[in-house]
Amino acid sequence: MNISAFYDSPMTDEERRDRLYKGDIFIFSPSPATRQLIALAGEMLTSGFAPYDPREIHKHKTPEEVAGILATLKPRFIHHPDCKKLIPAIMEEHGVEVDKLYFDVPRMRSAYPSDFLTSGIAYAFDAHRDTWYSAPMCQQNWWIPIYPLHPDNSMGFYPRHFEEGVDNNSEIYNYYEWNEKSRGSAAQHIKTDTRPQPKAQQDIEKVTVRFLPPPGGIVLFSGAQLHETVPNLAGVARYSIDFRTVHYDDVLARRGAPNVDSRCTGTTMRDYMNARDMSPLPEEVVRLYDDGTEVRGGVLVFGDRLVEAR
């Protein structure tokens, strides 16, 4: 199959989603809203790691100290009120109808030199699809670097595997169990990460495509794309922001990328908020994605939040 990369494409959001579900990737230049978002993140990083450059913090602090700082810094960013304003603004800048757009909270990611901190709160993801982690096939990933990228501290894609399955153990992953047992312990995993996570169970040819937009630029791709955290050999830390979106029409129609190898259970659908009024996806729509694992003792549980008693 042929995979295309589009740069600052003028196509409509509906056309773009159709191309994303076929495996194409979109790259966008920085915009006013993305510049504001990375400025917010950059200020928080600078403050959190002062007086040191966040990109060289591994030269000044231990992995345990950095993990402790990130354990406070990353949740502060996730829940910062400006994030919920800036993400809808980014969507509008890219022609998305915000009334039908649902997004999850933005994450700040960190990738340190491969001999420093690669577990837990700074987990370096091996080749994976987000759909191995209970994401829907209509999920779109928006990835934004905060500082300049280097080929050896970026993200790598395996486009040939978009329609070619990979042997994996995604059947071990249930989203509700992850929220209940594993999400909150990330900062405790320093040297190794023992939490059960989906991984490829075959050798994959280490030939990746790496996109290097400037700070505030965007790499937009399907959650079904096989991608990885590139082992950081650049000598400086990489910090980025990502968030995920779904379009209401596609959620309702069960439209999305092909599922070639995902066997996880549960769904992330209850993560998403409407870009206009921050309301969750209607429960009757989410139930289209339920598989029975959401019910524990007659109670529907999402993370630490009771959604509905049954």
C-alpha atoms as a PDB file:
ATOM      1  CA  MET A   1       0.000   0.000   0.000  1.00  0.00           C
ATOM      2  CA  ASN A   2       1.038   3.620  -0.432  1.00  0.00           C
ATOM      3  CA  ILE A   3       1.185   5.990   2.542  1.00  0.00           C
ATOM      4  CA  SER A   4       1.369   9.735   1.880  1.00  0.00           C
ATOM      5  CA  ALA A   5       2.514  12.609   4.085  1.00  0.00           C
ATOM      6  CA  PHE A   6       0.721  15.915   3.549  1.00  0.00           C
ATOM      7  CA  TYR A   7       2.299  19.219   4.583  1.00  0.00           C
ATOM      8  CA  ASP A   8      -0.039  22.113   5.485  1.00  0.00           C
ATOM      9  CA  SER A   9      -2.772  20.497   3.430  1.00  0.00           C
ATOM     10  CA  PRO A  10      -5.841  22.666   2.709  1.00  0.00           C
ATOM     11  CA  MET A  11      -8.229  19.686   2.525  1.00  0.00           C
ATOM     12  CA  THR A  12     -11.367  19.672   4.654  1.00  0.00           C
ATOM     13  CA  ASP A  13     -11.509  17.911   7.997  1.00  0.00           C
ATOM     14  CA  GLU A  14     -13.771  15.186   6.585  1.00  0.00           C
ATOM     15  CA  GLU A  15     -11.398  14.559   3.680  1.00  0.00           C
ATOM     16  CA  ARG A  16      -8.472  14.549   6.079  1.00  0.00           C
ATOM     17  CA  ARG A  17     -10.104  12.027   8.402  1.00  0.00           C
ATOM     18  CA  ASP A  18     -10.774   9.751   5.454  1.00  0.00           C
ATOM     19  CA  ARG A  19      -7.077   9.900   4.534  1.00  0.00           C
ATOM     20  CA  LEU A  20      -6.002   9.317   8.143  1.00  0.00           C
ATOM     21  CA  TYR A  21      -8.122   6.161   8.286  1.00  0.00           C
ATOM     22  CA  LYS A  22      -6.275   4.969   5.186  1.00  0.00           C
ATOM     23  CA  GLY A  23      -2.902   5.504   6.854  1.00  0.00           C
ATOM     24  CA  ASP A  24      -1.835   8.922   5.587  1.00  0.00           C
ATOM     25  CA  ILE A  25      -0.052  11.369   7.903  1.00  0.00           C
ATOM     26  CA  PHE A  26      -0.386  15.153   8.106  1.00  0.00           C
ATOM     27  CA  ILE A  27       2.253  17.684   9.120  1.00  0.00           C
ATOM     28  CA  PHE A  28       1.307  21.263  10.028  1.00  0.00           C
ATOM     29  CA  SER A  29       3.364  24.376  10.664  1.00  0.00           C
ATOM     30  CA  PRO A  30       3.172  26.134  14.029  1.00  0.00           C
ATOM     31  CA  SER A  31       0.043  28.218  14.566  1.00  0.00           C
ATOM     32  CA  PRO A  32      -0.867  30.927  17.103  1.00  0.00           C
ATOM     33  CA  ALA A  33      -2.643  28.433  19.392  1.00  0.00           C
ATOM     34  CA  THR A  34       0.104  25.787  19.246  1.00  0.00           C
ATOM     35  CA  ARG A  35       2.696  28.461  20.016  1.00  0.00           C
ATOM     36  CA  GLN A  36       0.690  29.433  23.094  1.00  0.00           C
ATOM     37  CA  LEU A  37       0.420  25.792  24.150  1.00  0.00           C
ATOM     38  CA  ILE A  38       4.155  25.095  23.908  1.00  0.00           C
ATOM     39  CA  ALA A  39       4.900  28.432  25.620  1.00  0.00           C
ATOM     40  CA  LEU A  40       2.756  27.316  28.559  1.00  0.00           C
ATOM     41  CA  ALA A  41       4.515  23.941  28.659  1.00  0.00           C
ATOM     42  CA  GLY A  42       7.942  25.543  28.276  1.00  0.00           C
ATOM     43  CA  GLU A  43       7.310  27.922  31.179  1.00  0.00           C
ATOM     44  CA  MET A  44       6.263  25.028  33.397  1.00  0.00           C
ATOM     45  CA  LEU A  45       9.320  22.974  32.428  1.00  0.00           C
ATOM     46  CA  THR A  46      11.679  25.899  33.001  1.00  0.00           C
ATOM     47  CA  SER A  47      10.162  26.578  36.409  1.00  0.00           C
ATOM     48  CA  GLY A  48      10.062  22.920  37.416  1.00  0.00           C
ATOM     49  CA  PHE A  49      13.697  22.226  36.552  1.00  0.00           C
ATOM     50  CA  ALA A  50      15.182  25.630  37.490  1.00  0.00           C
ATOM     51  CA  PRO A  51      17.964  26.615  37.429  1.00  0.00           C
ATOM     52  CA  TYR A  52      18.851  23.967  34.837  1.00  0.00           C
ATOM     53  CA  ASP A  53      17.919  23.643  31.174  1.00  0.00           C
ATOM     54  CA  PRO A  54      15.128  21.001  31.040  1.00  0.00           C
ATOM     55  CA  ARG A  55      16.784  19.450  27.998  1.00  0.00           C
ATOM     56  CA  GLU A  56      19.973  18.775  29.976  1.00  0.00           C
ATOM     57  CA  ILE A  57      18.466  17.920  33.345  1.00  0.00           C
ATOM     58  CA  HIS A  58      19.934  14.407  33.139  1.00  0.00           C
ATOM     59  CA  LYS A  59      23.364  16.000  33.658  1.00  0.00           C
ATOM     60  CA  HIS A  60      22.344  17.565  36.958  1.00  0.00           C
ATOM     61  CA  LYS A  61      19.812  15.318  38.698  1.00  0.00           C
ATOM     62  CA  THR A  62      19.273  11.626  39.286  1.00  0.00           C
ATOM     63  CA  PRO A  63      16.516   9.652  37.539  1.00  0.00           C
ATOM     64  CA  GLU A  64      14.681   9.465  40.867  1.00  0.00           C
ATOM     65  CA  GLU A  65      14.797  13.254  41.280  1.00  0.00           C
ATOM     66  CA  VAL A  66      13.572  13.863  37.734  1.00  0.00           C
ATOM     67  CA  ALA A  67      10.751  11.348  38.140  1.00  0.00           C
ATOM     68  CA  GLY A  68       9.694  13.144  41.322  1.00  0.00           C
ATOM     69  CA  ILE A  69       9.555  16.507  39.552  1.00  0.00           C
ATOM     70  CA  LEU A  70       7.612  15.058  36.616  1.00  0.00           C
ATOM     71  CA  ALA A  71       5.124  13.437  39.013  1.00  0.00           C
ATOM     72  CA  THR A  72       4.027  16.946  39.988  1.00  0.00           C
ATOM     73  CA  LEU A  73       4.686  18.795  36.738  1.00  0.00           C
ATOM     74  CA  LYS A  74       2.850  16.541  34.292  1.00  0.00           C
ATOM     75  CA  PRO A  75      -0.498  16.459  36.158  1.00  0.00           C
ATOM     76  CA  ARG A  76      -0.313  20.253  36.583  1.00  0.00           C
ATOM     77  CA  PHE A  77       0.000  20.616  32.832  1.00  0.00           C
ATOM     78  CA  ILE A  78      -2.754  18.101  32.091  1.00  0.00           C
ATOM     79  CA  HIS A  79      -5.230  19.950  34.287  1.00  0.00           C
ATOM     80  CA  HIS A  80      -4.164  23.518  33.509  1.00  0.00           C
ATOM     81  CA  PRO A  81      -7.311  25.463  32.535  1.00  0.00           C
ATOM     82  CA  ASP A  82      -5.605  27.060  29.533  1.00  0.00           C
ATOM     83  CA  CYS A  83      -5.191  23.649  27.888  1.00  0.00           C
ATOM     84  CA  LYS A  84      -8.953  23.219  27.585  1.00  0.00           C
ATOM     85  CA  LYS A  85      -9.097  26.598  25.839  1.00  0.00           C
ATOM     86  CA  LEU A  86      -6.147  26.127  23.525  1.00  0.00           C
ATOM     87  CA  ILE A  87      -7.012  22.683  22.162  1.00  0.00           C
ATOM     88  CA  PRO A  88     -10.385  23.820  20.729  1.00  0.00           C
ATOM     89  CA  ALA A  89      -8.556  26.850  19.305  1.00  0.00           C
ATOM     90  CA  ILE A  90      -6.067  24.520  17.576  1.00  0.00           C
ATOM     91  CA  MET A  91      -8.977  22.537  16.160  1.00  0.00           C
ATOM     92  CA  GLU A  92     -10.611  25.657  14.748  1.00  0.00           C
ATOM     93  CA  GLU A  93      -7.311  26.714  13.177  1.00  0.00           C
ATOM     94  CA  HIS A  94      -7.363  23.411  11.278  1.00  0.00           C
ATOM     95  CA  GLY A  95     -10.942  23.517  10.053  1.00  0.00           C
ATOM     96  CA  VAL A  96     -12.465  21.132  12.604  1.00  0.00           C
ATOM     97  CA  GLU A  97     -16.137  21.574  13.526  1.00  0.00           C
ATOM     98  CA  VAL A  98     -15.687  21.895  17.273  1.00  0.00           C
ATOM     99  CA  ASP A  99     -19.315  21.094  18.132  1.00  0.00           C
ATOM    100  CA  LYS A 100     -18.722  17.529  16.878  1.00  0.00           C
ATOM    101  CA  LEU A 101     -15.149  17.225  18.084  1.00  0.00           C
ATOM    102  CA  TYR A 102     -14.249  15.400  21.303  1.00  0.00           C
ATOM    103  CA  PHE A 103     -10.750  15.450  22.796  1.00  0.00           C
ATOM    104  CA  ASP A 104      -8.946  13.995  25.772  1.00  0.00           C
ATOM    105  CA  VAL A 105      -6.642  15.893  28.104  1.00  0.00           C
ATOM    106  CA  PRO A 106      -3.221  16.772  26.691  1.00  0.00           C
ATOM    107  CA  ARG A 107      -0.192  14.883  27.949  1.00  0.00           C
ATOM    108  CA  MET A 108       3.293  16.266  28.291  1.00  0.00           C
ATOM    109  CA  ARG A 109       5.789  13.609  27.208  1.00  0.00           C
ATOM    110  CA  SER A 110       9.483  13.379  27.973  1.00  0.00           C
ATOM    111  CA  ALA A 111      12.134  11.235  26.320  1.00  0.00           C
ATOM    112  CA  TYR A 112      15.510  11.230  28.050  1.00  0.00           C
ATOM    113  CA  PRO A 113      18.811   9.772  26.846  1.00  0.00           C
ATOM    114  CA  SER A 114      18.353   6.023  26.658  1.00  0.00           C
ATOM    115  CA  ASP A 115      20.739   5.349  29.572  1.00  0.00           C
ATOM    116  CA  PHE A 116      18.903   7.697  31.955  1.00  0.00           C
ATOM    117  CA  LEU A 117      15.127   7.525  32.589  1.00  0.00           C
ATOM    118  CA  THR A 118      12.982   5.486  30.187  1.00  0.00           C
ATOM    119  CA  SER A 119      10.445   3.863  32.534  1.00  0.00           C
ATOM    120  CA  GLY A 120       7.311   4.835  34.395  1.00  0.00           C
ATOM    121  CA  ILE A 121       6.445   8.513  34.083  1.00  0.00           C
ATOM    122  CA  ALA A 122       8.973   8.890  31.237  1.00  0.00           C
ATOM    123  CA  TYR A 123       8.142   5.557  29.594  1.00  0.00           C
ATOM    124  CA  ALA A 124       9.830   5.084  26.220  1.00  0.00           C
ATOM    125  CA  PHE A 125       7.218   3.308  24.127  1.00  0.00           C
ATOM    126  CA  ASP A 126       8.346   0.426  21.958  1.00  0.00           C
ATOM    127  CA  ALA A 127       6.630  -0.008  18.609  1.00  0.00           C
ATOM    128  CA  HIS A 128       2.893  -0.015  19.318  1.00  0.00           C
ATOM    129  CA  ARG A 129      -0.495   1.163  18.159  1.00  0.00           C
ATOM    130  CA  ASP A 130      -2.702   3.220  20.461  1.00  0.00           C
ATOM    131  CA  THR A 131      -5.459   0.805  19.497  1.00  0.00           C
ATOM    132  CA  TRP A 132      -3.565  -1.858  21.496  1.00  0.00           C
ATOM    133  CA  TYR A 133      -4.335   0.367  24.500  1.00  0.00           C
ATOM    134  CA  SER A 134      -8.142   0.333  24.089  1.00  0.00           C
ATOM    135  CA  ALA A 135      -8.299   3.383  21.825  1.00  0.00           C
ATOM    136  CA  PRO A 136     -11.082   3.397  19.216  1.00  0.00           C
ATOM    137  CA  MET A 137     -10.249   2.896  15.547  1.00  0.00           C
ATOM    138  CA  CYS A 138     -11.457   6.462  14.832  1.00  0.00           C
ATOM    139  CA  GLN A 139      -8.907   8.065  17.173  1.00  0.00           C
ATOM    140  CA  GLN A 140      -6.648  10.765  15.750  1.00  0.00           C
ATOM    141  CA  ASN A 141      -3.351  11.650  17.462  1.00  0.00           C
ATOM    142  CA  TRP A 142      -2.011  15.218  17.497  1.00  0.00           C
ATOM    143  CA  TRP A 143       1.688  15.356  18.465  1.00  0.00           C
ATOM    144  CA  ILE A 144       3.512  18.671  19.057  1.00  0.00           C
ATOM    145  CA  PRO A 145       7.218  19.134  19.924  1.00  0.00           C
ATOM    146  CA  ILE A 146       8.007  21.775  22.549  1.00  0.00           C
ATOM    147  CA  TYR A 147      11.692  22.188  21.599  1.00  0.00           C
ATOM    148  CA  PRO A 148      13.599  21.569  18.343  1.00  0.00           C
ATOM    149  CA  LEU A 149      13.735  17.902  17.379  1.00  0.00           C
ATOM    150  CA  HIS A 150      16.671  15.739  16.369  1.00  0.00           C
ATOM    151  CA  PRO A 151      16.253  12.535  14.313  1.00  0.00           C
ATOM    152  CA  ASP A 152      17.589  10.594  17.303  1.00  0.00           C
ATOM    153  CA  ASN A 153      15.125  11.978  19.846  1.00  0.00           C
ATOM    154  CA  SER A 154      11.903  12.041  17.855  1.00  0.00           C
ATOM    155  CA  MET A 155       9.114   9.602  17.069  1.00  0.00           C
ATOM    156  CA  GLY A 156       9.360   6.822  14.490  1.00  0.00           C
ATOM    157  CA  PHE A 157       6.601   5.405  12.286  1.00  0.00           C
ATOM    158  CA  TYR A 158       6.283   2.020  10.580  1.00  0.00           C
ATOM    159  CA  PRO A 159       3.876   2.859   7.723  1.00  0.00           C
ATOM    160  CA  ARG A 160       4.157  -0.568   6.065  1.00  0.00           C
ATOM    161  CA  HIS A 161       2.413  -2.089   9.074  1.00  0.00           C
ATOM    162  CA  PHE A 162      -0.711   0.090   8.856  1.00  0.00           C
ATOM    163  CA  GLU A 163      -2.483  -2.696   7.013  1.00  0.00           C
ATOM    164  CA  GLU A 164      -0.039  -5.459   7.933  1.00  0.00           C
ATOM    165  CA  GLY A 165      -0.663  -7.054  11.312  1.00  0.00           C
ATOM    166  CA  VAL A 166       2.046  -7.509  13.922  1.00  0.00           C
ATOM    167  CA  ASP A 167       2.134 -10.386  16.403  1.00  0.00           C
ATOM    168  CA  ASN A 168       1.411  -8.782  19.760  1.00  0.00           C
ATOM    169  CA  ASN A 169       0.000  -9.451  23.220  1.00  0.00           C
ATOM    170  CA  SER A 170      -2.628  -6.679  23.305  1.00  0.00           C
ATOM    171  CA  GLU A 171      -5.091  -9.194  24.756  1.00  0.00           C
ATOM    172  CA  ILE A 172      -3.419  -8.647  28.158  1.00  0.00           C
ATOM    173  CA  TYR A 173      -4.574  -5.031  28.282  1.00  0.00           C
ATOM    174  CA  ASN A 174      -7.863  -3.870  29.760  1.00  0.00           C
ATOM    175  CA  TYR A 175      -8.290  -0.119  30.099  1.00  0.00           C
ATOM    176  CA  TYR A 176     -10.309  -0.254  33.308  1.00  0.00           C
ATOM    177  CA  GLU A 177      -7.758  -2.498  35.026  1.00  0.00           C
ATOM    178  CA  TRP A 178      -4.971  -0.164  33.865  1.00  0.00           C
ATOM    179  CA  ASN A 179      -6.716   2.843  35.412  1.00  0.00           C
ATOM    180  CA  GLU A 180      -7.406   0.941  38.616  1.00  0.00           C
ATOM    181  CA  LYS A 181      -4.059  -0.757  39.173  1.00  0.00           C
ATOM    182  CA  SER A 182      -1.288   0.749  37.062  1.00  0.00           C
ATOM    183  CA  ARG A 183      -1.803   4.368  35.982  1.00  0.00           C
ATOM    184  CA  GLY A 184      -1.210   5.930  39.389  1.00  0.00           C
ATOM    185  CA  SER A 185       2.082   4.120  40.035  1.00  0.00           C
ATOM    186  CA  ALA A 186       3.996   5.502  37.039  1.00  0.00           C
ATOM    187  CA  ALA A 187       6.424   7.621  39.059  1.00  0.00           C
ATOM    188  CA  GLN A 188       7.446   4.581  41.125  1.00  0.00           C
ATOM    189  CA  HIS A 189       9.005   2.833  38.116  1.00  0.00           C
ATOM    190  CA  ILE A 190      12.516   4.240  37.707  1.00  0.00           C
ATOM    191  CA  LYS A 191      14.946   1.572  36.483  1.00  0.00           C
ATOM    192  CA  THR A 192      12.392  -0.811  34.971  1.00  0.00           C
ATOM    193  CA  ASP A 193       8.667  -0.754  34.278  1.00  0.00           C
ATOM    194  CA  THR A 194       6.871  -3.908  35.382  1.00  0.00           C
ATOM    195  CA  ARG A 195       3.362  -2.754  34.539  1.00  0.00           C
ATOM    196  CA  PRO A 196       1.680  -5.036  31.961  1.00  0.00           C
ATOM    197  CA  GLN A 197       1.709  -3.218  28.632  1.00  0.00           C
ATOM    198  CA  PRO A 198       1.094  -4.434  25.077  1.00  0.00           C
ATOM    199  CA  LYS A 199       4.203  -5.118  23.035  1.00  0.00           C
ATOM    200  CA  ALA A 200       5.065  -6.620  19.690  1.00  0.00           C
ATOM    201  CA  GLN A 201       5.849 -10.329  19.940  1.00  0.00           C
ATOM    202  CA  GLN A 202       7.898 -10.491  16.749  1.00  0.00           C
ATOM    203  CA  ASP A 203      11.011  -8.812  15.443  1.00  0.00           C
ATOM    204  CA  ILE A 204      10.169  -5.680  13.470  1.00  0.00           C
ATOM    205  CA  GLU A 205      12.592  -4.331  10.916  1.00  0.00           C
ATOM    206  CA  LYS A 206      14.019  -1.183  12.499  1.00  0.00           C
ATOM    207  CA  VAL A 207      13.336   1.084   9.557  1.00  0.00           C
ATOM    208  CA  THR A 208      11.211   4.050  10.629  1.00  0.00           C
ATOM    209  CA  VAL A 209       9.984   7.282   9.099  1.00  0.00           C
ATOM    210  CA  ARG A 210      10.656  10.299  11.327  1.00  0.00           C
ATOM    211  CA  PHE A 211       8.974  13.689  10.920  1.00  0.00           C
ATOM    212  CA  LEU A 212      10.719  16.729  12.409  1.00  0.00           C
ATOM    213  CA  PRO A 213       8.372  19.729  12.511  1.00  0.00           C
ATOM    214  CA  PRO A 214       9.597  22.838  14.342  1.00  0.00           C
ATOM    215  CA  PRO A 215       8.433  23.577  17.893  1.00  0.00           C
ATOM    216  CA  GLY A 216       4.686  24.094  17.786  1.00  0.00           C
ATOM    217  CA  GLY A 217       4.332  22.133  14.557  1.00  0.00           C
ATOM    218  CA  ILE A 218       1.977  19.149  14.469  1.00  0.00           C
ATOM    219  CA  VAL A 219       2.237  15.537  13.379  1.00  0.00           C
ATOM    220  CA  LEU A 220      -1.324  14.225  12.946  1.00  0.00           C
ATOM    221  CA  PHE A 221      -1.856  10.491  12.509  1.00  0.00           C
ATOM    222  CA  SER A 222      -4.282   7.666  13.117  1.00  0.00           C
ATOM    223  CA  GLY A 223      -4.219   5.897  16.471  1.00  0.00           C
ATOM    224  CA  ALA A 224      -3.858   2.704  14.430  1.00  0.00           C
ATOM    225  CA  GLN A 225      -0.426   3.735  13.116  1.00  0.00           C
ATOM    226  CA  LEU A 226       2.439   1.603  14.402  1.00  0.00           C
ATOM    227  CA  HIS A 227       4.874   4.050  15.996  1.00  0.00           C
ATOM    228  CA  GLU A 228       7.503   4.250  18.723  1.00  0.00           C
ATOM    229  CA  THR A 229       9.601   6.507  20.901  1.00  0.00           C
ATOM    230  CA  VAL A 230      12.925   6.611  19.071  1.00  0.00           C
ATOM    231  CA  PRO A 231      15.784   5.593  21.425  1.00  0.00           C
ATOM    232  CA  ASN A 232      17.237   8.932  22.460  1.00  0.00           C
ATOM    233  CA  LEU A 233      20.843   9.098  21.273  1.00  0.00           C
ATOM    234  CA  ALA A 234      20.841  12.862  20.723  1.00  0.00           C
ATOM    235  CA  GLY A 235      22.264  13.771  24.128  1.00  0.00           C
ATOM    236  CA  VAL A 236      19.381  16.090  25.018  1.00  0.00           C
ATOM    237  CA  ALA A 237      15.919  15.376  26.362  1.00  0.00           C
ATOM    238  CA  ARG A 238      12.897  15.621  24.072  1.00  0.00           C
ATOM    239  CA  TYR A 239       9.664  17.129  25.397  1.00  0.00           C
ATOM    240  CA  SER A 240       6.406  17.047  23.482  1.00  0.00           C
ATOM    241  CA  ILE A 241       2.649  17.386  23.893  1.00  0.00           C
ATOM    242  CA  ASP A 242       0.047  15.046  22.517  1.00  0.00           C
ATOM    243  CA  PHE A 243      -3.703  14.752  22.697  1.00  0.00           C
ATOM    244  CA  ARG A 244      -6.262  12.563  20.965  1.00  0.00           C
ATOM    245  CA  THR A 245      -9.546  13.389  19.260  1.00  0.00           C
ATOM    246  CA  VAL A 246     -12.593  11.636  17.860  1.00  0.00           C
ATOM    247  CA  HIS A 247     -15.326  13.041  15.635  1.00  0.00           C
ATOM    248  CA  TYR A 248     -18.894  12.414  16.766  1.00  0.00           C
ATOM    249  CA  ASP A 249     -20.128  11.313  13.330  1.00  0.00           C
ATOM    250  CA  ASP A 250     -17.340   8.744  13.034  1.00  0.00           C
ATOM    251  CA  VAL A 251     -17.917   7.480  16.579  1.00  0.00           C
ATOM    252  CA  LEU A 252     -21.617   6.982  15.879  1.00  0.00           C
ATOM    253  CA  ALA A 253     -21.024   5.310  12.505  1.00  0.00           C
ATOM    254  CA  ARG A 254     -18.163   3.124  13.839  1.00  0.00           C
ATOM    255  CA  ARG A 255     -16.025   4.595  11.070  1.00  0.00           C
ATOM    256  CA  GLY A 256     -12.258   4.430  11.378  1.00  0.00           C
ATOM    257  CA  ALA A 257      -9.047   2.680  10.433  1.00  0.00           C
ATOM    258  CA  PRO A 258      -8.992  -1.089   9.873  1.00  0.00           C
ATOM    259  CA  ASN A 259      -8.333  -3.246  12.925  1.00  0.00           C
ATOM    260  CA  VAL A 260      -5.588  -5.596  11.775  1.00  0.00           C
ATOM    261  CA  ASP A 261      -4.309  -6.930  15.102  1.00  0.00           C
ATOM    262  CA  SER A 262      -5.774  -5.222  18.225  1.00  0.00           C
ATOM    263  CA  ARG A 263      -7.328  -7.550  20.820  1.00  0.00           C
ATOM    264  CA  CYS A 264      -7.407  -5.393  23.974  1.00  0.00           C
ATOM    265  CA  THR A 265     -10.580  -4.849  25.992  1.00  0.00           C
ATOM    266  CA  GLY A 266     -12.318  -1.867  27.510  1.00  0.00           C
ATOM    267  CA  THR A 267     -12.511   1.517  25.803  1.00  0.00           C
ATOM    268  CA  THR A 268     -11.066   4.996  26.287  1.00  0.00           C
ATOM    269  CA  MET A 269     -14.290   6.565  24.978  1.00  0.00           C
ATOM    270  CA  ARG A 270     -15.227   7.978  28.381  1.00  0.00           C
ATOM    271  CA  ASP A 271     -12.055  10.102  28.332  1.00  0.00           C
ATOM    272  CA  TYR A 272     -13.312  12.421  25.618  1.00  0.00           C
ATOM    273  CA  MET A 273     -14.798  15.896  26.189  1.00  0.00           C
ATOM    274  CA  ASN A 274     -16.686  18.034  23.713  1.00  0.00           C
ATOM    275  CA  ALA A 275     -14.521  20.854  22.406  1.00  0.00           C
ATOM    276  CA  ARG A 276     -17.368  23.365  22.750  1.00  0.00           C
ATOM    277  CA  ASP A 277     -18.812  22.726  26.221  1.00  0.00           C
ATOM    278  CA  MET A 278     -16.536  20.045  27.761  1.00  0.00           C
ATOM    279  CA  SER A 279     -19.417  17.575  28.085  1.00  0.00           C
ATOM    280  CA  PRO A 280     -18.554  13.841  27.789  1.00  0.00           C
ATOM    281  CA  LEU A 281     -19.630  11.671  24.911  1.00  0.00           C
ATOM    282  CA  PRO A 282     -23.242  10.607  25.487  1.00  0.00           C
ATOM    283  CA  GLU A 283     -23.313   7.369  27.450  1.00  0.00           C
ATOM    284  CA  GLU A 284     -25.635   5.719  24.928  1.00  0.00           C
ATOM    285  CA  VAL A 285     -22.990   6.346  22.246  1.00  0.00           C
ATOM    286  CA  VAL A 286     -20.141   5.074  24.416  1.00  0.00           C
ATOM    287  CA  ARG A 287     -22.073   1.854  24.970  1.00  0.00           C
ATOM    288  CA  LEU A 288     -21.562   1.051  21.292  1.00  0.00           C
ATOM    289  CA  TYR A 289     -17.946   0.383  22.311  1.00  0.00           C
ATOM    290  CA  ASP A 290     -18.556  -1.463  25.582  1.00  0.00           C
ATOM    291  CA  ASP A 291     -17.615  -5.147  25.711  1.00  0.00           C
ATOM    292  CA  GLY A 292     -18.812  -6.180  29.167  1.00  0.00           C
ATOM    293  CA  THR A 293     -15.521  -5.593  30.987  1.00  0.00           C
ATOM    294  CA  GLU A 294     -16.742  -2.187  32.146  1.00  0.00           C
ATOM    295  CA  VAL A 295     -19.137  -3.801  34.622  1.00  0.00           C
ATOM    296  CA  ARG A 296     -17.730  -4.831  37.997  1.00  0.00           C
ATOM    297  CA  GLY A 297     -20.225  -6.233  40.477  1.00  0.00           C
ATOM    298  CA  GLY A 298     -23.113  -4.494  38.744  1.00  0.00           C
ATOM    299  CA  VAL A 299     -21.356  -1.118  38.734  1.00  0.00           C
ATOM    300  CA  LEU A 300     -19.926   0.626  35.713  1.00  0.00           C
ATOM    301  CA  VAL A 301     -16.566   2.062  36.727  1.00  0.00           C
ATOM    302  CA  PHE A 302     -14.216   4.341  34.832  1.00  0.00           C
ATOM    303  CA  GLY A 303     -10.934   4.935  36.599  1.00  0.00           C
ATOM    304  CA  ASP A 304     -11.883   6.292  40.019  1.00  0.00           C
ATOM    305  CA  ARG A 305     -15.168   7.711  38.751  1.00  0.00           C
ATOM    306  CA  LEU A 306     -18.538   5.994  39.065  1.00  0.00           C
ATOM    307  CA  VAL A 307     -20.345   6.522  35.767  1.00  0.00           C
ATOM    308  CA  GLU A 308     -23.543   4.630  36.350  1.00  0.00           C
ATOM    309  CA  ALA A 309     -24.865   1.905  38.623  1.00  0.00           C
ATOM    310  CA  ARG A 310     -26.498  -0.970  36.769  1.00  0.00           C
END
